[in-house]
Amino acid sequence: MLVLRVLRGGELHGWGITNRLEVLSRSALQVDEGSLYPALYRMEAKGWIEAEWKMTENSRRAKYYSLTRAGRKQLETEQENWHSMSAVIALVLDSA
């Protein structure tokens, strides 16, 4: 869900996704390559994101990922599920 949310802002390469998550979470989240790339490959296989090789601003070749229409729909679904689950967890924590 978080990767899809980051890509909603526009295409990014793997390091850019990791960096953006770290910045947005105020360094609370630090995603390593061993977790990120398998997740990106799964999301690409499901059609939620697409990838294209491009040159970075440092003249290096990198795979840039972008959100697809199906990915936007999945993000909406994931956010709805998250809000519902968060509300249920809050109910349990507040009542205990």
N, C-alpha and C. Protein backbone atom coordinates (compact mmCIF):
# COMPACT_ATOMS: atom_id res chain seq x y z
N MET A 1 0.83 -1.18 0.00
CA MET A 1 0.00 0.00 0.00
C MET A 1 0.88 1.25 0.00
N LEU A 2 1.94 1.26 0.79
CA LEU A 2 2.77 2.45 0.88
C LEU A 2 3.53 2.72 -0.42
N VAL A 3 3.98 1.69 -1.06
CA VAL A 3 4.68 1.86 -2.35
C VAL A 3 3.70 2.40 -3.39
N LEU A 4 2.50 1.86 -3.42
CA LEU A 4 1.49 2.36 -4.36
C LEU A 4 1.19 3.82 -4.08
N ARG A 5 1.11 4.18 -2.81
CA ARG A 5 0.82 5.56 -2.43
C ARG A 5 1.94 6.49 -2.89
N VAL A 6 3.18 6.08 -2.71
CA VAL A 6 4.31 6.90 -3.14
C VAL A 6 4.29 7.07 -4.66
N LEU A 7 3.98 6.00 -5.38
CA LEU A 7 3.97 6.08 -6.84
C LEU A 7 2.78 6.88 -7.38
N ARG A 8 1.79 7.10 -6.55
CA ARG A 8 0.67 7.95 -6.98
C ARG A 8 1.15 9.36 -7.31
N GLY A 9 2.27 9.76 -6.69
CA GLY A 9 2.83 11.08 -6.94
C GLY A 9 3.64 11.18 -8.22
N GLY A 10 3.89 10.05 -8.88
CA GLY A 10 4.65 10.05 -10.12
C GLY A 10 5.68 8.94 -10.13
N GLU A 11 6.27 8.72 -11.29
CA GLU A 11 7.21 7.61 -11.46
C GLU A 11 8.49 7.83 -10.67
N LEU A 12 9.02 6.73 -10.16
CA LEU A 12 10.27 6.74 -9.40
C LEU A 12 11.03 5.46 -9.64
N HIS A 13 12.34 5.52 -9.48
CA HIS A 13 13.14 4.30 -9.51
C HIS A 13 13.19 3.74 -8.10
N GLY A 14 13.75 2.55 -7.94
CA GLY A 14 13.75 1.87 -6.64
C GLY A 14 14.31 2.70 -5.51
N TRP A 15 15.49 3.30 -5.73
CA TRP A 15 16.08 4.12 -4.68
C TRP A 15 15.18 5.30 -4.35
N GLY A 16 14.55 5.88 -5.37
CA GLY A 16 13.64 7.01 -5.16
C GLY A 16 12.45 6.62 -4.30
N ILE A 17 11.92 5.40 -4.51
CA ILE A 17 10.81 4.92 -3.71
C ILE A 17 11.25 4.76 -2.26
N THR A 18 12.39 4.12 -2.06
CA THR A 18 12.93 3.93 -0.71
C THR A 18 13.16 5.27 -0.02
N ASN A 19 13.77 6.19 -0.72
CA ASN A 19 14.06 7.50 -0.16
C ASN A 19 12.77 8.24 0.19
N ARG A 20 11.81 8.20 -0.70
CA ARG A 20 10.54 8.91 -0.47
C ARG A 20 9.82 8.36 0.76
N LEU A 21 9.81 7.02 0.91
CA LEU A 21 9.18 6.41 2.08
C LEU A 21 9.89 6.84 3.37
N GLU A 22 11.20 6.91 3.31
CA GLU A 22 11.96 7.32 4.48
C GLU A 22 11.66 8.78 4.84
N VAL A 23 11.61 9.64 3.84
CA VAL A 23 11.33 11.06 4.08
C VAL A 23 9.92 11.24 4.62
N LEU A 24 8.94 10.62 3.98
CA LEU A 24 7.55 10.79 4.41
C LEU A 24 7.30 10.23 5.81
N SER A 25 8.04 9.19 6.17
CA SER A 25 7.85 8.58 7.50
C SER A 25 8.77 9.20 8.55
N ARG A 26 9.49 10.23 8.18
CA ARG A 26 10.45 10.89 9.08
C ARG A 26 11.46 9.87 9.62
N SER A 27 11.94 9.05 8.70
CA SER A 27 12.96 8.02 8.95
C SER A 27 12.47 6.84 9.79
N ALA A 28 11.18 6.74 10.04
CA ALA A 28 10.64 5.60 10.80
C ALA A 28 10.64 4.34 9.94
N LEU A 29 10.50 4.51 8.63
CA LEU A 29 10.51 3.37 7.70
C LEU A 29 11.78 3.41 6.87
N GLN A 30 12.48 2.30 6.88
CA GLN A 30 13.67 2.16 6.05
C GLN A 30 13.55 0.82 5.33
N VAL A 31 13.18 0.89 4.06
CA VAL A 31 12.94 -0.31 3.27
C VAL A 31 14.23 -0.71 2.56
N ASP A 32 14.65 -1.94 2.74
CA ASP A 32 15.87 -2.39 2.06
C ASP A 32 15.52 -3.03 0.72
N GLU A 33 16.53 -3.17 -0.12
CA GLU A 33 16.34 -3.70 -1.47
C GLU A 33 15.77 -5.11 -1.45
N GLY A 34 16.15 -5.90 -0.45
CA GLY A 34 15.67 -7.28 -0.36
C GLY A 34 14.18 -7.38 -0.14
N SER A 35 13.58 -6.32 0.36
CA SER A 35 12.13 -6.27 0.55
C SER A 35 11.43 -5.54 -0.60
N LEU A 36 12.06 -4.46 -1.04
CA LEU A 36 11.42 -3.61 -2.05
C LEU A 36 11.28 -4.29 -3.41
N TYR A 37 12.37 -4.81 -3.94
CA TYR A 37 12.32 -5.31 -5.31
C TYR A 37 11.41 -6.53 -5.48
N PRO A 38 11.40 -7.48 -4.57
CA PRO A 38 10.41 -8.56 -4.72
C PRO A 38 8.97 -8.03 -4.71
N ALA A 39 8.72 -7.03 -3.87
CA ALA A 39 7.38 -6.43 -3.82
C ALA A 39 7.06 -5.73 -5.14
N LEU A 40 8.04 -5.01 -5.70
CA LEU A 40 7.82 -4.34 -6.98
C LEU A 40 7.54 -5.36 -8.09
N TYR A 41 8.28 -6.45 -8.10
CA TYR A 41 8.06 -7.49 -9.12
C TYR A 41 6.67 -8.10 -9.00
N ARG A 42 6.21 -8.33 -7.76
CA ARG A 42 4.86 -8.87 -7.55
C ARG A 42 3.80 -7.89 -8.02
N MET A 43 3.98 -6.62 -7.69
CA MET A 43 3.00 -5.60 -8.10
C MET A 43 2.99 -5.44 -9.62
N GLU A 44 4.14 -5.55 -10.23
CA GLU A 44 4.21 -5.47 -11.69
C GLU A 44 3.49 -6.67 -12.32
N ALA A 45 3.69 -7.85 -11.76
CA ALA A 45 3.04 -9.06 -12.28
C ALA A 45 1.51 -8.98 -12.13
N LYS A 46 1.05 -8.29 -11.10
CA LYS A 46 -0.39 -8.13 -10.88
C LYS A 46 -0.98 -6.99 -11.72
N GLY A 47 -0.11 -6.23 -12.38
CA GLY A 47 -0.59 -5.14 -13.23
C GLY A 47 -0.85 -3.85 -12.48
N TRP A 48 -0.40 -3.74 -11.25
CA TRP A 48 -0.62 -2.53 -10.46
C TRP A 48 0.38 -1.45 -10.78
N ILE A 49 1.57 -1.85 -11.24
CA ILE A 49 2.59 -0.89 -11.64
C ILE A 49 3.18 -1.35 -12.97
N GLU A 50 3.84 -0.42 -13.65
CA GLU A 50 4.59 -0.78 -14.85
C GLU A 50 5.97 -0.17 -14.73
N ALA A 51 6.91 -0.77 -15.43
CA ALA A 51 8.30 -0.34 -15.32
C ALA A 51 8.87 -0.01 -16.70
N GLU A 52 9.79 0.94 -16.70
CA GLU A 52 10.46 1.33 -17.94
C GLU A 52 11.90 1.75 -17.59
N TRP A 53 12.85 1.26 -18.39
CA TRP A 53 14.25 1.64 -18.19
C TRP A 53 14.45 3.05 -18.72
N LYS A 54 15.09 3.90 -17.91
CA LYS A 54 15.39 5.28 -18.28
C LYS A 54 16.73 5.68 -17.68
N MET A 55 17.21 6.83 -18.08
CA MET A 55 18.44 7.38 -17.51
C MET A 55 18.07 8.26 -16.32
N THR A 56 18.84 8.15 -15.24
CA THR A 56 18.62 8.99 -14.07
C THR A 56 19.25 10.36 -14.29
N GLU A 57 19.05 11.23 -13.34
CA GLU A 57 19.66 12.56 -13.40
C GLU A 57 21.18 12.48 -13.31
N ASN A 58 21.70 11.34 -12.82
CA ASN A 58 23.15 11.11 -12.74
C ASN A 58 23.68 10.32 -13.93
N SER A 59 22.90 10.25 -14.99
CA SER A 59 23.26 9.53 -16.21
C SER A 59 23.50 8.03 -15.99
N ARG A 60 22.74 7.47 -15.09
CA ARG A 60 22.78 6.03 -14.86
C ARG A 60 21.47 5.44 -15.32
N ARG A 61 21.52 4.22 -15.75
CA ARG A 61 20.33 3.53 -16.22
C ARG A 61 19.60 2.94 -15.00
N ALA A 62 18.28 3.19 -14.91
CA ALA A 62 17.49 2.68 -13.79
C ALA A 62 16.09 2.36 -14.28
N LYS A 63 15.47 1.43 -13.60
CA LYS A 63 14.10 1.05 -13.92
C LYS A 63 13.16 1.97 -13.13
N TYR A 64 12.34 2.69 -13.86
CA TYR A 64 11.38 3.60 -13.24
C TYR A 64 10.01 2.92 -13.19
N TYR A 65 9.36 3.04 -12.05
CA TYR A 65 8.07 2.41 -11.82
C TYR A 65 6.98 3.47 -11.77
N SER A 66 5.83 3.14 -12.35
CA SER A 66 4.70 4.05 -12.30
C SER A 66 3.42 3.26 -12.03
N LEU A 67 2.46 3.95 -11.48
CA LEU A 67 1.19 3.35 -11.10
C LEU A 67 0.30 3.21 -12.33
N THR A 68 -0.38 2.09 -12.45
CA THR A 68 -1.34 1.88 -13.53
C THR A 68 -2.75 2.19 -13.02
N ARG A 69 -3.69 2.15 -13.90
CA ARG A 69 -5.09 2.34 -13.50
C ARG A 69 -5.50 1.27 -12.48
N ALA A 70 -5.10 0.03 -12.74
CA ALA A 70 -5.40 -1.05 -11.79
C ALA A 70 -4.71 -0.80 -10.45
N GLY A 71 -3.53 -0.21 -10.48
CA GLY A 71 -2.81 0.12 -9.26
C GLY A 71 -3.51 1.20 -8.46
N ARG A 72 -4.07 2.18 -9.15
CA ARG A 72 -4.83 3.23 -8.46
C ARG A 72 -6.05 2.63 -7.77
N LYS A 73 -6.72 1.73 -8.46
CA LYS A 73 -7.89 1.06 -7.88
C LYS A 73 -7.46 0.21 -6.67
N GLN A 74 -6.35 -0.50 -6.79
CA GLN A 74 -5.86 -1.31 -5.68
C GLN A 74 -5.48 -0.43 -4.49
N LEU A 75 -4.88 0.71 -4.76
CA LEU A 75 -4.53 1.64 -3.69
C LEU A 75 -5.78 2.08 -2.95
N GLU A 76 -6.83 2.43 -3.67
CA GLU A 76 -8.09 2.82 -3.03
C GLU A 76 -8.62 1.70 -2.14
N THR A 77 -8.60 0.47 -2.66
CA THR A 77 -9.07 -0.69 -1.90
C THR A 77 -8.24 -0.89 -0.64
N GLU A 78 -6.91 -0.82 -0.80
CA GLU A 78 -6.01 -1.01 0.34
C GLU A 78 -6.21 0.08 1.40
N GLN A 79 -6.41 1.31 0.96
CA GLN A 79 -6.63 2.40 1.92
C GLN A 79 -7.94 2.21 2.66
N GLU A 80 -8.99 1.80 1.97
CA GLU A 80 -10.28 1.54 2.62
C GLU A 80 -10.13 0.42 3.65
N ASN A 81 -9.43 -0.65 3.27
CA ASN A 81 -9.20 -1.76 4.20
C ASN A 81 -8.40 -1.29 5.41
N TRP A 82 -7.38 -0.47 5.18
CA TRP A 82 -6.55 0.02 6.27
C TRP A 82 -7.37 0.86 7.24
N HIS A 83 -8.20 1.76 6.72
CA HIS A 83 -9.02 2.61 7.58
C HIS A 83 -10.00 1.77 8.39
N SER A 84 -10.60 0.78 7.77
CA SER A 84 -11.53 -0.11 8.49
C SER A 84 -10.81 -0.88 9.59
N MET A 85 -9.67 -1.47 9.25
CA MET A 85 -8.93 -2.26 10.23
C MET A 85 -8.40 -1.37 11.35
N SER A 86 -7.94 -0.18 11.02
CA SER A 86 -7.45 0.75 12.04
C SER A 86 -8.56 1.12 13.02
N ALA A 87 -9.75 1.33 12.50
CA ALA A 87 -10.90 1.67 13.36
C ALA A 87 -11.24 0.51 14.30
N VAL A 88 -11.20 -0.71 13.79
CA VAL A 88 -11.48 -1.88 14.61
C VAL A 88 -10.41 -2.04 15.69
N ILE A 89 -9.16 -1.89 15.33
CA ILE A 89 -8.07 -1.99 16.31
C ILE A 89 -8.21 -0.93 17.38
N ALA A 90 -8.56 0.30 16.98
CA ALA A 90 -8.74 1.38 17.95
C ALA A 90 -9.87 1.05 18.92
N LEU A 91 -10.96 0.46 18.41
CA LEU A 91 -12.07 0.07 19.28
C LEU A 91 -11.60 -0.93 20.33
N VAL A 92 -10.85 -1.92 19.91
CA VAL A 92 -10.36 -2.95 20.84
C VAL A 92 -9.40 -2.34 21.85
N LEU A 93 -8.47 -1.52 21.39
CA LEU A 93 -7.50 -0.92 22.31
C LEU A 93 -8.16 0.03 23.31
N ASP A 94 -9.12 0.80 22.83
CA ASP A 94 -9.80 1.76 23.70
C ASP A 94 -10.72 1.09 24.71
N SER A 95 -11.22 -0.09 24.39
CA SER A 95 -12.15 -0.75 25.30
C SER A 95 -11.44 -1.67 26.29
N ALA A 96 -10.19 -1.97 26.04
CA ALA A 96 -9.48 -2.91 26.93
C ALA A 96 -8.99 -2.27 28.20
